[in-house]
Amino acid sequence: MITTADLLKRIKAHCRARKISETTFGRKAVNDGKLVARLRAGGTISIRTLQRIEAALAADEAVAA
């Protein structure tokens, strides 16, 4: 099971590698520009949202490869 801290690390690394803001990532992945900020503040997400985030990360990694 992935922790919030692990997810935030992956998102941060992803954003750095692609030179996009975390707001842009949230908007593209789940149509929520405040996603990362809310996670940092202790917010939770649904399993469906996690699946959408994972899919966005995987899709971008596949394109970059």
Protein backbone atom coordinates (compact mmCIF):
# COMPACT_ATOMS: atom_id res chain seq x y z
CA MET A 1 0.00 0.00 0.00
CA ILE A 2 1.28 3.43 -0.90
CA THR A 3 1.53 6.13 1.74
CA THR A 4 0.67 9.78 1.20
CA ALA A 5 4.35 10.67 1.68
CA ASP A 6 5.38 8.16 -1.01
CA LEU A 7 2.74 9.46 -3.40
CA LEU A 8 3.83 13.05 -2.83
CA LYS A 9 7.46 12.09 -3.51
CA ARG A 10 6.48 10.45 -6.79
CA ILE A 11 4.40 13.45 -7.84
CA LYS A 12 7.18 15.88 -6.91
CA ALA A 13 9.79 13.90 -8.87
CA HIS A 14 7.42 13.60 -11.81
CA CYS A 15 6.80 17.35 -11.86
CA ARG A 16 10.50 18.17 -11.62
CA ALA A 17 11.38 15.80 -14.46
CA ARG A 18 8.71 17.29 -16.72
CA LYS A 19 9.16 20.88 -15.55
CA ILE A 20 5.52 21.34 -14.64
CA SER A 21 3.98 22.68 -11.47
CA GLU A 22 2.22 20.46 -8.99
CA THR A 23 -0.94 22.45 -9.68
CA THR A 24 -0.69 21.58 -13.37
CA PHE A 25 -0.15 17.92 -12.53
CA GLY A 26 -3.25 17.84 -10.32
CA ARG A 27 -5.33 19.57 -12.95
CA LYS A 28 -4.19 17.20 -15.71
CA ALA A 29 -4.40 14.02 -13.63
CA VAL A 30 -7.69 14.50 -11.79
CA ASN A 31 -8.98 17.96 -12.76
CA ASP A 32 -8.02 19.33 -9.32
CA GLY A 33 -5.35 22.01 -9.15
CA LYS A 34 -5.33 21.90 -5.35
CA LEU A 35 -4.77 18.14 -5.12
CA VAL A 36 -1.13 18.22 -4.00
CA ALA A 37 -1.67 21.08 -1.55
CA ARG A 38 -4.58 19.23 0.05
CA LEU A 39 -2.55 16.02 0.34
CA ARG A 40 0.28 17.95 2.01
CA ALA A 41 -2.23 19.44 4.44
CA GLY A 42 -3.32 15.96 5.49
CA GLY A 43 -6.26 15.52 3.17
CA THR A 44 -7.32 12.14 1.88
CA ILE A 45 -8.29 10.86 -1.55
CA SER A 46 -10.52 8.08 -2.75
CA ILE A 47 -9.22 4.87 -4.26
CA ARG A 48 -10.57 6.04 -7.62
CA THR A 49 -8.56 9.27 -7.38
CA LEU A 50 -5.44 7.30 -6.49
CA GLN A 51 -6.03 5.10 -9.53
CA ARG A 52 -6.33 8.18 -11.75
CA ILE A 53 -3.11 9.63 -10.31
CA GLU A 54 -1.27 6.33 -10.81
CA ALA A 55 -2.57 6.14 -14.39
CA ALA A 56 -1.38 9.68 -15.13
CA LEU A 57 2.06 8.97 -13.69
CA ALA A 58 2.35 5.71 -15.64
CA ALA A 59 1.16 7.26 -18.91
CA ASP A 60 3.66 10.10 -18.71
CA GLU A 61 6.46 7.69 -17.77
CA ALA A 62 5.63 5.52 -20.78
CA VAL A 63 5.75 8.54 -23.10
CA ALA A 64 9.08 9.68 -21.63
CA ALA A 65 10.66 6.24 -22.11
